[in-house]
């Protein structure tokens, strides 16, 4: 190939690559911490299929909602409960028409993997405070973090919150609570089944009956004013059979 044609071909290739890169979009997703592993995998698949990139921020739903309230740049909000999504709708910070419920989960009691505590058939009569002994029960902040709110509700329905509340070590997110148990800093923890499943350092000792708390639901929605084709494409993708398969593999209940 003559030198001039070779240079022209290389120049054209560079322009093509630049054009493709310039056209790629970023979808900024603020999602509940319990979705970290599954959404990271789904984000990689989304990029492979579309060329666009999911940029995720994971934290407690309460923290993410407040960040969006303060102007943090987000295109999609995913909560681990209905309360915080309802709050965002009421504040006109998400598009209610784009909202949908996709996932469910289980609330579980965990202990360090080397704990001598065996399997427990949890019920409203199970004395959770006594199980903790002199130790603490790690979970999300029961005043704001969804997993802590679910646990508090379960204990209130069982008439045990008064005894349990002083033993609660309220963490900033469900993953922070998981870490406390992994490190042996708390003999017990209350997290979602999917969080326990991704750790080899803890074991599930009991599952809270669904009747003890409201259903664990994950709603998705566009952030208000961020209705773009890439953001809608991402919401379509998380409802695809491929993405649902990933969620199911991590143990989520998929609607």
Protein backbone atom coordinates (compact mmCIF):
# COMPACT_ATOMS: atom_id res chain seq x y z
CA UNK A 1 0.00 0.00 0.00
CA UNK A 2 1.45 3.44 -0.93
CA UNK A 3 2.55 5.51 2.04
CA UNK A 4 -0.10 8.18 1.48
CA UNK A 5 -2.92 5.61 1.36
CA UNK A 6 -1.62 3.94 4.53
CA UNK A 7 -1.53 7.25 6.38
CA UNK A 8 -5.04 8.06 5.16
CA UNK A 9 -6.32 4.67 6.31
CA UNK A 10 -4.76 5.03 9.76
CA UNK A 11 -6.12 8.55 10.07
CA UNK A 12 -9.57 7.29 9.17
CA UNK A 13 -9.33 4.55 11.78
CA UNK A 14 -8.37 7.07 14.45
CA UNK A 15 -11.32 9.28 13.51
CA UNK A 16 -13.67 6.29 13.65
CA UNK A 17 -12.44 5.27 17.09
CA UNK A 18 -12.73 8.85 18.31
CA UNK A 19 -16.26 9.10 16.93
CA UNK A 20 -17.37 5.88 18.63
CA UNK A 21 -15.85 7.02 21.93
CA UNK A 22 -17.48 10.42 21.65
CA UNK A 23 -20.86 8.85 21.03
CA UNK A 24 -20.69 6.56 24.08
CA UNK A 25 -22.90 7.74 26.91
CA UNK A 26 -22.66 7.34 30.66
CA UNK A 27 -25.70 6.40 32.73
CA UNK A 28 -25.20 7.42 36.34
CA UNK A 29 -27.00 4.99 38.63
CA UNK A 30 -27.48 5.62 42.35
CA UNK A 31 -28.37 2.21 43.75
CA UNK A 32 -28.88 0.48 47.10
CA UNK A 33 -25.66 -1.08 48.43
CA UNK A 34 -27.13 -4.58 48.38
CA UNK A 35 -27.23 -4.42 44.57
CA UNK A 36 -23.46 -3.87 44.21
CA UNK A 37 -22.39 -7.25 42.85
CA UNK A 38 -25.40 -7.87 40.63
CA UNK A 39 -25.48 -4.39 39.10
CA UNK A 40 -21.74 -4.40 38.48
CA UNK A 41 -22.19 -7.55 36.39
CA UNK A 42 -25.25 -6.11 34.67
CA UNK A 43 -23.38 -2.87 33.96
CA UNK A 44 -20.63 -4.82 32.21
CA UNK A 45 -23.22 -6.62 30.09
CA UNK A 46 -24.97 -3.34 29.31
CA UNK A 47 -21.71 -1.84 28.06
CA UNK A 48 -20.98 -4.91 25.96
CA UNK A 49 -24.42 -4.70 24.34
CA UNK A 50 -24.74 -0.94 23.86
CA UNK A 51 -21.29 0.64 24.12
CA UNK A 52 -22.65 2.94 26.82
CA UNK A 53 -21.32 2.79 30.36
CA UNK A 54 -23.10 2.43 33.69
CA UNK A 55 -21.41 4.53 36.36
CA UNK A 56 -22.74 3.37 39.72
CA UNK A 57 -22.72 4.87 43.19
CA UNK A 58 -23.71 2.44 45.95
CA UNK A 59 -24.84 3.37 49.45
CA UNK A 60 -27.89 3.15 51.67
CA UNK A 61 -31.05 4.28 49.87
CA UNK A 62 -31.49 7.04 52.46
CA UNK A 63 -28.00 8.44 51.80
CA UNK A 64 -28.46 8.32 48.03
CA UNK A 65 -31.83 10.06 48.24
CA UNK A 66 -30.29 12.87 50.27
CA UNK A 67 -27.40 13.18 47.83
CA UNK A 68 -29.83 13.57 44.93
CA UNK A 69 -31.78 16.13 46.98
CA UNK A 70 -28.56 18.09 47.31
CA UNK A 71 -27.95 18.06 43.58
CA UNK A 72 -25.72 15.02 43.08
CA UNK A 73 -25.65 14.02 39.38
CA UNK A 74 -27.74 10.88 38.94
CA UNK A 75 -29.83 9.56 36.06
CA UNK A 76 -31.40 6.54 37.77
CA UNK A 77 -32.33 5.92 41.42
CA UNK A 78 -32.79 2.41 42.81
CA UNK A 79 -34.04 2.02 46.36
CA UNK A 80 -34.12 -1.03 48.64
CA UNK A 81 -37.54 -0.06 49.93
CA UNK A 82 -40.68 1.73 48.88
CA UNK A 83 -40.39 4.40 51.58
CA UNK A 84 -37.43 6.20 50.06
CA UNK A 85 -38.79 5.98 46.53
CA UNK A 86 -42.13 7.37 47.78
CA UNK A 87 -40.17 10.17 49.44
CA UNK A 88 -38.44 10.98 46.15
CA UNK A 89 -41.76 11.01 44.31
CA UNK A 90 -43.24 13.34 46.92
CA UNK A 91 -40.26 15.67 46.54
CA UNK A 92 -40.66 15.55 42.73
CA UNK A 93 -37.09 14.26 42.41
CA UNK A 94 -37.92 11.20 40.31
CA UNK A 95 -40.22 10.65 37.34
CA UNK A 96 -43.18 8.68 38.74
CA UNK A 97 -44.19 7.48 35.27
CA UNK A 98 -40.85 5.67 34.90
CA UNK A 99 -41.07 3.92 38.26
CA UNK A 100 -41.36 0.14 38.50
CA UNK A 101 -40.77 -2.58 41.11
CA UNK A 102 -38.34 -5.26 39.93
CA UNK A 103 -36.77 -7.18 42.81
CA UNK A 104 -37.39 -8.69 46.21
CA UNK A 105 -35.20 -10.09 48.97
CA UNK A 106 -35.18 -11.91 52.30
CA UNK A 107 -34.15 -10.61 55.71
CA UNK A 108 -31.70 -12.92 57.44
CA UNK A 109 -29.85 -13.29 60.71
CA UNK A 110 -26.12 -13.88 60.24
CA UNK A 111 -23.14 -14.75 62.41
CA UNK A 112 -19.41 -15.05 61.74
CA UNK A 113 -18.59 -18.21 59.79
CA UNK A 114 -16.76 -19.68 62.80
CA UNK A 115 -19.62 -19.00 65.23
CA UNK A 116 -20.89 -21.95 67.25
CA UNK A 117 -24.43 -20.73 66.77
CA UNK A 118 -26.47 -23.23 64.77
CA UNK A 119 -29.52 -22.89 62.56
CA UNK A 120 -32.52 -21.20 64.15
CA UNK A 121 -36.13 -21.40 63.07
CA UNK A 122 -36.87 -17.70 63.54
CA UNK A 123 -40.33 -16.66 64.69
CA UNK A 124 -41.86 -13.76 66.63
CA UNK A 125 -41.08 -15.77 69.79
CA UNK A 126 -37.33 -16.03 69.12
CA UNK A 127 -35.46 -13.99 71.74
CA UNK A 128 -33.06 -12.09 69.47
CA UNK A 129 -31.61 -10.00 72.32
CA UNK A 130 -30.72 -13.14 74.26
CA UNK A 131 -29.02 -14.64 71.19
CA UNK A 132 -26.71 -11.63 71.03
CA UNK A 133 -25.68 -12.07 74.67
CA UNK A 134 -23.33 -9.25 75.65
CA UNK A 135 -22.59 -8.48 71.99
CA UNK A 136 -24.19 -6.19 69.44
CA UNK A 137 -26.47 -6.84 66.47
CA UNK A 138 -25.12 -5.18 63.34
CA UNK A 139 -27.65 -3.88 60.84
CA UNK A 140 -28.47 -0.67 59.04
CA UNK A 141 -29.36 2.43 61.01
CA UNK A 142 -32.93 1.56 62.10
CA UNK A 143 -34.04 5.17 61.68
CA UNK A 144 -33.15 5.51 58.02
CA UNK A 145 -31.36 2.59 56.30
CA UNK A 146 -33.89 0.17 54.74
CA UNK A 147 -32.45 -3.07 56.16
CA UNK A 148 -32.50 -1.52 59.63
CA UNK A 149 -36.05 -0.29 59.10
CA UNK A 150 -37.17 -3.80 58.13
CA UNK A 151 -35.43 -5.29 61.18
CA UNK A 152 -36.94 -2.71 63.52
CA UNK A 153 -40.38 -3.42 62.08
CA UNK A 154 -39.88 -7.17 62.61
CA UNK A 155 -38.88 -6.63 66.22
CA UNK A 156 -41.77 -4.24 66.85
CA UNK A 157 -44.25 -6.76 65.48
CA UNK A 158 -42.68 -9.37 67.75
CA UNK A 159 -42.89 -7.03 70.75
CA UNK A 160 -39.10 -7.19 71.17
CA UNK A 161 -37.83 -3.82 70.00
CA UNK A 162 -37.45 -2.44 73.52
CA UNK A 163 -35.02 -5.24 74.40
CA UNK A 164 -33.25 -5.30 71.05
CA UNK A 165 -32.78 -1.56 70.40
CA UNK A 166 -29.92 -1.05 72.94
CA UNK A 167 -27.98 -3.88 71.30
CA UNK A 168 -28.24 -2.58 67.73
CA UNK A 169 -25.07 -1.37 66.03
CA UNK A 170 -26.58 0.81 63.32
CA UNK A 171 -24.34 1.00 60.24
CA UNK A 172 -24.42 3.39 57.29
CA UNK A 173 -25.46 0.63 54.88
CA UNK A 174 -26.22 -3.07 54.74
CA UNK A 175 -22.72 -3.76 53.41
CA UNK A 176 -21.18 -1.88 56.35
CA UNK A 177 -23.24 -4.05 58.70
CA UNK A 178 -22.05 -7.16 56.88
CA UNK A 179 -18.44 -6.03 57.34
CA UNK A 180 -18.90 -5.70 61.12
CA UNK A 181 -19.94 -9.35 61.33
CA UNK A 182 -17.23 -10.48 58.91
CA UNK A 183 -14.62 -8.89 61.19
CA UNK A 184 -16.11 -10.47 64.29
CA UNK A 185 -16.93 -7.06 65.73
CA UNK A 186 -20.54 -8.15 66.18
CA UNK A 187 -21.66 -11.72 66.96
CA UNK A 188 -24.88 -11.24 65.02
CA UNK A 189 -26.09 -9.19 62.10
CA UNK A 190 -29.27 -8.62 60.16
CA UNK A 191 -28.77 -8.19 56.42
CA UNK A 192 -30.40 -9.33 53.19
CA UNK A 193 -29.97 -12.89 51.99
CA UNK A 194 -28.14 -11.65 48.89
CA UNK A 195 -25.51 -9.85 50.98
CA UNK A 196 -24.83 -12.93 53.09
CA UNK A 197 -24.53 -15.01 49.92
CA UNK A 198 -21.57 -13.01 48.57
CA UNK A 199 -19.50 -13.42 51.75
CA UNK A 200 -17.51 -16.48 52.82
CA UNK A 201 -16.90 -14.93 56.24
CA UNK A 202 -20.46 -15.16 57.54
CA UNK A 203 -23.18 -17.77 57.70
CA UNK A 204 -26.96 -17.47 57.74
CA UNK A 205 -28.37 -18.79 60.99
CA UNK A 206 -31.99 -17.86 60.38
CA UNK A 207 -34.46 -16.29 57.96
CA UNK A 208 -37.09 -13.87 59.24
CA UNK A 209 -40.61 -14.87 58.18
CA UNK A 210 -42.08 -12.46 55.63
CA UNK A 211 -45.00 -11.90 58.00
CA UNK A 212 -42.71 -10.10 60.46
CA UNK A 213 -42.01 -7.16 58.14
CA UNK A 214 -43.26 -5.44 55.01
CA UNK A 215 -42.20 -7.02 51.70
CA UNK A 216 -38.65 -6.10 50.69
CA UNK A 217 -39.10 -4.35 47.34
CA UNK A 218 -36.60 -2.64 45.04
CA UNK A 219 -38.17 0.12 42.91
CA UNK A 220 -36.30 1.72 39.99
CA UNK A 221 -36.98 5.16 38.49
CA UNK A 222 -35.50 7.94 36.38
CA UNK A 223 -34.31 10.97 38.28
CA UNK A 224 -36.45 14.02 37.47
CA UNK A 225 -35.09 16.01 34.56
CA UNK A 226 -32.77 13.18 33.48
CA UNK A 227 -35.05 11.52 30.95
CA UNK A 228 -32.58 10.55 28.25
CA UNK A 229 -32.44 7.76 25.68
CA UNK A 230 -29.44 6.07 27.38
CA UNK A 231 -31.08 6.19 30.81
CA UNK A 232 -34.30 4.69 29.46
CA UNK A 233 -32.29 2.08 27.59
CA UNK A 234 -30.61 1.10 30.86
CA UNK A 235 -33.98 0.74 32.62
CA UNK A 236 -35.16 -1.41 29.73
CA UNK A 237 -32.02 -3.52 29.99
CA UNK A 238 -32.39 -4.29 33.72
CA UNK A 239 -35.80 -5.76 32.87
CA UNK A 240 -34.40 -7.96 30.10
CA UNK A 241 -34.21 -11.74 30.56
CA UNK A 242 -30.41 -11.47 30.54
CA UNK A 243 -30.30 -8.98 33.41
CA UNK A 244 -33.03 -10.77 35.34
CA UNK A 245 -30.92 -13.92 35.10
CA UNK A 246 -28.04 -12.10 36.79
CA UNK A 247 -30.29 -10.85 39.59
CA UNK A 248 -31.64 -14.35 40.11
CA UNK A 249 -28.12 -15.79 40.21
CA UNK A 250 -27.32 -13.50 43.12
CA UNK A 251 -30.43 -14.65 44.95
CA UNK A 252 -32.85 -11.81 44.33
CA UNK A 253 -36.53 -12.48 43.84
CA UNK A 254 -37.29 -11.19 40.34
CA UNK A 255 -40.71 -9.85 39.33
